[in-house]
Amino acid sequence: MGFGASRAEARQIVRHNGILVNGKRVNIPSYQVRAGDVIEVAGKAKEQLRIKAAAEAAAARSIPEWMEVDTKGLKGTFKALPARTDLPQTINESLIIELYSK
């Protein structure tokens, strides 16, 4: 949803208790969200400059159709799992399978 400038930074924000899913604190980066889940930045984390900057940058980019994001309120809804055709062509599925098969 753009609350982190990179995946590594987003994982760190989650790890440091900066994210709420459906109002409950989540600190496991691999947490699986479901359609309809509301994800938001927790109270104190909303004041962090890096999160504000990442959200501003995300507002300038296009938001995928399977997400609804309020970059000002630092809150969003995961609407549905994306279809394969919705994902960028740069994803190499065989490399993902190779990584997780180890």
C-alpha atoms as a PDB file:
ATOM      1  CA  MET A   1       0.000   0.000   0.000  1.00  0.00           C
ATOM      2  CA  GLY A   2       3.056   2.202  -0.097  1.00  0.00           C
ATOM      3  CA  PHE A   3       3.569   2.751   3.628  1.00  0.00           C
ATOM      4  CA  GLY A   4       7.228   1.758   3.180  1.00  0.00           C
ATOM      5  CA  ALA A   5       9.640   2.978   0.505  1.00  0.00           C
ATOM      6  CA  SER A   6      10.763  -0.610  -0.174  1.00  0.00           C
ATOM      7  CA  ARG A   7       9.736  -4.131   0.786  1.00  0.00           C
ATOM      8  CA  ALA A   8      12.558  -4.253   3.327  1.00  0.00           C
ATOM      9  CA  GLU A   9      11.374  -1.034   4.931  1.00  0.00           C
ATOM     10  CA  ALA A  10       7.763  -2.249   4.937  1.00  0.00           C
ATOM     11  CA  ARG A  11       8.865  -5.452   6.693  1.00  0.00           C
ATOM     12  CA  GLN A  12      10.698  -3.365   9.291  1.00  0.00           C
ATOM     13  CA  ILE A  13       7.631  -1.191   9.905  1.00  0.00           C
ATOM     14  CA  VAL A  14       5.550  -4.324  10.501  1.00  0.00           C
ATOM     15  CA  ARG A  15       8.250  -5.851  12.720  1.00  0.00           C
ATOM     16  CA  HIS A  16       8.353  -2.708  14.878  1.00  0.00           C
ATOM     17  CA  ASN A  17       4.582  -2.833  15.577  1.00  0.00           C
ATOM     18  CA  GLY A  18       3.721  -0.054  13.139  1.00  0.00           C
ATOM     19  CA  ILE A  19       0.817  -1.784  11.363  1.00  0.00           C
ATOM     20  CA  LEU A  20      -2.727  -2.716  12.383  1.00  0.00           C
ATOM     21  CA  VAL A  21      -4.855  -5.227  10.483  1.00  0.00           C
ATOM     22  CA  ASN A  22      -8.559  -4.938  11.292  1.00  0.00           C
ATOM     23  CA  GLY A  23      -7.614  -2.906  14.370  1.00  0.00           C
ATOM     24  CA  LYS A  24      -5.226  -5.535  15.761  1.00  0.00           C
ATOM     25  CA  ARG A  25      -1.465  -5.059  15.906  1.00  0.00           C
ATOM     26  CA  VAL A  26       0.480  -7.334  13.543  1.00  0.00           C
ATOM     27  CA  ASN A  27       4.250  -7.766  13.847  1.00  0.00           C
ATOM     28  CA  ILE A  28       4.817 -10.715  11.516  1.00  0.00           C
ATOM     29  CA  PRO A  29       5.843  -9.537   8.017  1.00  0.00           C
ATOM     30  CA  SER A  30       4.571 -12.749   6.387  1.00  0.00           C
ATOM     31  CA  TYR A  31       1.059 -12.308   7.826  1.00  0.00           C
ATOM     32  CA  GLN A  32      -1.494 -13.263   5.180  1.00  0.00           C
ATOM     33  CA  VAL A  33      -4.197 -10.664   4.641  1.00  0.00           C
ATOM     34  CA  ARG A  34      -7.603 -11.642   3.293  1.00  0.00           C
ATOM     35  CA  ALA A  35     -10.024  -9.836   1.040  1.00  0.00           C
ATOM     36  CA  GLY A  36     -11.781  -7.132   3.017  1.00  0.00           C
ATOM     37  CA  ASP A  37      -9.004  -6.669   5.601  1.00  0.00           C
ATOM     38  CA  VAL A  38      -8.322  -3.076   6.623  1.00  0.00           C
ATOM     39  CA  ILE A  39      -4.626  -2.244   6.998  1.00  0.00           C
ATOM     40  CA  GLU A  40      -3.525   0.964   8.690  1.00  0.00           C
ATOM     41  CA  VAL A  41      -0.450   2.552  10.190  1.00  0.00           C
ATOM     42  CA  ALA A  42      -0.575   2.506  14.000  1.00  0.00           C
ATOM     43  CA  GLY A  43      -0.811   5.720  16.055  1.00  0.00           C
ATOM     44  CA  LYS A  44       2.801   6.676  16.843  1.00  0.00           C
ATOM     45  CA  ALA A  45       4.096   5.313  13.541  1.00  0.00           C
ATOM     46  CA  LYS A  46       1.923   7.848  11.655  1.00  0.00           C
ATOM     47  CA  GLU A  47       4.288  10.561  12.883  1.00  0.00           C
ATOM     48  CA  GLN A  48       7.405   8.961  11.342  1.00  0.00           C
ATOM     49  CA  LEU A  49       8.832  10.995   8.481  1.00  0.00           C
ATOM     50  CA  ARG A  50       9.861   7.912   6.482  1.00  0.00           C
ATOM     51  CA  ILE A  51       6.280   6.606   6.482  1.00  0.00           C
ATOM     52  CA  LYS A  52       4.874  10.005   5.499  1.00  0.00           C
ATOM     53  CA  ALA A  53       7.425  10.304   2.669  1.00  0.00           C
ATOM     54  CA  ALA A  54       6.690   6.792   1.400  1.00  0.00           C
ATOM     55  CA  ALA A  55       2.940   7.480   1.451  1.00  0.00           C
ATOM     56  CA  GLU A  56       3.416  10.708  -0.523  1.00  0.00           C
ATOM     57  CA  ALA A  57       5.476   8.825  -3.101  1.00  0.00           C
ATOM     58  CA  ALA A  58       2.813   6.101  -3.277  1.00  0.00           C
ATOM     59  CA  ALA A  59       0.126   8.725  -3.905  1.00  0.00           C
ATOM     60  CA  ALA A  60       2.026   9.788  -7.023  1.00  0.00           C
ATOM     61  CA  ARG A  61       2.019   6.206  -8.350  1.00  0.00           C
ATOM     62  CA  SER A  62      -1.041   4.308  -9.489  1.00  0.00           C
ATOM     63  CA  ILE A  63      -2.746   2.074  -6.919  1.00  0.00           C
ATOM     64  CA  PRO A  64      -3.599  -1.451  -8.131  1.00  0.00           C
ATOM     65  CA  GLU A  65      -7.291  -2.251  -8.522  1.00  0.00           C
ATOM     66  CA  TRP A  66      -7.218  -4.943  -5.835  1.00  0.00           C
ATOM     67  CA  MET A  67      -6.369  -2.351  -3.162  1.00  0.00           C
ATOM     68  CA  GLU A  68      -8.044   0.800  -1.943  1.00  0.00           C
ATOM     69  CA  VAL A  69      -5.619   3.205  -0.227  1.00  0.00           C
ATOM     70  CA  ASP A  70      -6.074   6.488   1.630  1.00  0.00           C
ATOM     71  CA  THR A  71      -2.522   7.862   1.587  1.00  0.00           C
ATOM     72  CA  LYS A  72      -3.494  10.885   3.688  1.00  0.00           C
ATOM     73  CA  GLY A  73      -5.078   8.785   6.457  1.00  0.00           C
ATOM     74  CA  LEU A  74      -2.426   6.028   6.093  1.00  0.00           C
ATOM     75  CA  LYS A  75      -5.143   3.412   5.818  1.00  0.00           C
ATOM     76  CA  GLY A  76      -6.237   0.985   3.131  1.00  0.00           C
ATOM     77  CA  THR A  77      -8.412  -1.994   2.290  1.00  0.00           C
ATOM     78  CA  PHE A  78      -7.224  -5.171   0.597  1.00  0.00           C
ATOM     79  CA  LYS A  79     -10.190  -5.798  -1.716  1.00  0.00           C
ATOM     80  CA  ALA A  80      -9.246  -9.060  -3.438  1.00  0.00           C
ATOM     81  CA  LEU A  81      -6.360 -11.268  -4.536  1.00  0.00           C
ATOM     82  CA  PRO A  82      -4.951 -10.035  -7.839  1.00  0.00           C
ATOM     83  CA  ALA A  83      -5.456 -12.094 -10.962  1.00  0.00           C
ATOM     84  CA  ARG A  84      -2.306 -13.244 -12.772  1.00  0.00           C
ATOM     85  CA  THR A  85      -3.035 -10.764 -15.564  1.00  0.00           C
ATOM     86  CA  ASP A  86      -2.997  -7.913 -13.002  1.00  0.00           C
ATOM     87  CA  LEU A  87       0.615  -8.582 -12.009  1.00  0.00           C
ATOM     88  CA  PRO A  88       3.574  -6.998 -13.824  1.00  0.00           C
ATOM     89  CA  GLN A  89       5.198  -8.991 -16.607  1.00  0.00           C
ATOM     90  CA  THR A  90       8.583  -8.705 -14.869  1.00  0.00           C
ATOM     91  CA  ILE A  91       7.662 -11.380 -12.318  1.00  0.00           C
ATOM     92  CA  ASN A  92       9.491 -14.630 -13.014  1.00  0.00           C
ATOM     93  CA  GLU A  93       7.332 -17.308 -11.354  1.00  0.00           C
ATOM     94  CA  SER A  94       9.921 -20.055 -11.770  1.00  0.00           C
ATOM     95  CA  LEU A  95      12.378 -18.091  -9.607  1.00  0.00           C
ATOM     96  CA  ILE A  96       9.746 -17.737  -6.873  1.00  0.00           C
ATOM     97  CA  ILE A  97       9.036 -21.457  -6.954  1.00  0.00           C
ATOM     98  CA  GLU A  98      12.771 -22.203  -6.837  1.00  0.00           C
ATOM     99  CA  LEU A  99      13.208 -19.926  -3.808  1.00  0.00           C
ATOM    100  CA  TYR A 100      10.392 -21.496  -1.780  1.00  0.00           C
ATOM    101  CA  SER A 101      11.280 -25.078  -2.729  1.00  0.00           C
ATOM    102  CA  LYS A 102      14.581 -24.896  -0.842  1.00  0.00           C
END
